[in-house]
């Protein structure tokens, strides 16, 4: 499969720990169709518990789990409960609550 048909995925926090406990990598590449695939579907494909995921970074922008990931994207799944003011300033809190307006990146 060509490099363009893959996305780079990282697991952060307790999701990283979960992968390591399962003997799986916390950084990997996933194959995506040209039209893309929703982040929650990718999480399911990787066996990640959706209830532990608050948001997803896609190309350095916080998105909700219904965001469509495309080949070539750089992705990181963010667990619930990420501490500190970063939750608000990066938009993780809003993404976890489904409060990011369609087509708009958090500020």
Protein backbone atom coordinates (compact mmCIF):
# COMPACT_ATOMS: atom_id res chain seq x y z
CA UNK A 1 0.00 0.00 0.00
CA UNK A 2 1.35 3.44 -0.87
CA UNK A 3 2.49 5.86 1.82
CA UNK A 4 -0.33 8.26 0.84
CA UNK A 5 -2.96 5.70 1.89
CA UNK A 6 -1.80 5.64 5.51
CA UNK A 7 -2.14 7.88 8.54
CA UNK A 8 0.29 8.11 11.44
CA UNK A 9 -1.38 7.49 14.84
CA UNK A 10 -0.10 8.12 18.37
CA UNK A 11 -1.79 7.15 21.61
CA UNK A 12 -1.37 9.53 24.54
CA UNK A 13 -1.63 9.11 28.33
CA UNK A 14 -3.61 6.11 29.55
CA UNK A 15 -4.23 5.03 25.94
CA UNK A 16 -0.45 4.70 25.53
CA UNK A 17 -0.33 2.65 28.73
CA UNK A 18 -3.22 0.45 27.58
CA UNK A 19 -1.46 -0.32 24.29
CA UNK A 20 1.80 -1.16 26.06
CA UNK A 21 -0.02 -3.45 28.52
CA UNK A 22 -1.52 -5.28 25.53
CA UNK A 23 1.91 -5.61 23.94
CA UNK A 24 0.89 -3.25 21.14
CA UNK A 25 2.69 -0.17 19.86
CA UNK A 26 1.57 3.28 20.96
CA UNK A 27 2.76 4.77 17.66
CA UNK A 28 1.60 3.12 14.47
CA UNK A 29 0.29 3.63 10.98
CA UNK A 30 -3.19 2.71 9.82
CA UNK A 31 -4.50 2.21 6.31
CA UNK A 32 -7.29 4.55 5.28
CA UNK A 33 -9.46 4.59 2.17
CA UNK A 34 -9.07 7.63 -0.12
CA UNK A 35 -12.35 9.10 1.19
CA UNK A 36 -11.09 8.77 4.77
CA UNK A 37 -12.54 7.22 7.90
CA UNK A 38 -14.04 8.69 11.06
CA UNK A 39 -11.71 8.89 14.05
CA UNK A 40 -14.08 6.85 16.22
CA UNK A 41 -14.06 4.06 13.61
CA UNK A 42 -10.25 4.09 13.59
CA UNK A 43 -10.27 3.93 17.41
CA UNK A 44 -12.59 0.90 17.28
CA UNK A 45 -10.35 -0.70 14.64
CA UNK A 46 -7.43 -0.30 17.08
CA UNK A 47 -9.46 -1.76 19.97
CA UNK A 48 -9.48 1.50 21.93
CA UNK A 49 -12.30 2.07 24.42
CA UNK A 50 -14.24 5.09 23.10
CA UNK A 51 -15.35 6.05 26.60
CA UNK A 52 -11.69 6.79 27.44
CA UNK A 53 -11.14 9.10 24.45
CA UNK A 54 -12.02 12.76 24.79
CA UNK A 55 -10.69 14.17 21.53
CA UNK A 56 -8.34 13.59 18.64
CA UNK A 57 -5.55 15.79 17.35
CA UNK A 58 -5.51 15.74 13.56
CA UNK A 59 -2.61 17.61 11.98
CA UNK A 60 -2.12 19.58 15.22
CA UNK A 61 -5.77 20.68 15.50
CA UNK A 62 -8.14 19.30 18.14
CA UNK A 63 -11.16 17.60 16.62
CA UNK A 64 -14.15 15.60 17.81
CA UNK A 65 -14.27 11.84 17.33
CA UNK A 66 -16.60 12.12 14.34
CA UNK A 67 -13.90 13.97 12.38
CA UNK A 68 -12.91 12.19 9.16
CA UNK A 69 -9.25 11.21 9.06
CA UNK A 70 -7.61 11.12 5.64
CA UNK A 71 -4.52 9.41 4.24
CA UNK A 72 -1.41 11.36 5.19
CA UNK A 73 -2.91 12.79 8.41
CA UNK A 74 -0.95 12.84 11.65
CA UNK A 75 -3.29 11.78 14.45
CA UNK A 76 -3.13 11.52 18.24
CA UNK A 77 -5.93 10.19 20.44
CA UNK A 78 -6.31 12.20 23.66
CA UNK A 79 -7.67 10.43 26.76
CA UNK A 80 -10.35 11.85 29.03
CA UNK A 81 -9.10 13.70 32.06
CA UNK A 82 -6.05 15.33 30.52
CA UNK A 83 -5.04 17.65 33.37
CA UNK A 84 -4.44 21.37 33.44
CA UNK A 85 -5.46 24.42 31.49
CA UNK A 86 -4.45 22.70 28.24
CA UNK A 87 -7.91 21.15 28.11
CA UNK A 88 -9.45 24.58 27.57
CA UNK A 89 -6.74 26.44 25.65
CA UNK A 90 -6.26 23.65 23.10
CA UNK A 91 -9.98 22.94 22.76
CA UNK A 92 -9.89 19.42 24.22
CA UNK A 93 -12.72 20.22 26.64
CA UNK A 94 -14.95 21.57 23.86
CA UNK A 95 -14.17 18.60 21.59
CA UNK A 96 -15.05 16.12 24.34
CA UNK A 97 -18.40 17.84 24.79
CA UNK A 98 -19.15 18.02 21.07
CA UNK A 99 -19.03 21.82 21.11
CA UNK A 100 -16.76 22.53 18.14
CA UNK A 101 -18.84 24.15 15.38
CA UNK A 102 -18.84 22.22 12.10
CA UNK A 103 -15.90 23.11 9.88
CA UNK A 104 -14.26 25.27 12.55
CA UNK A 105 -11.10 24.56 14.50
CA UNK A 106 -11.10 25.50 18.20
CA UNK A 107 -9.26 28.63 19.19
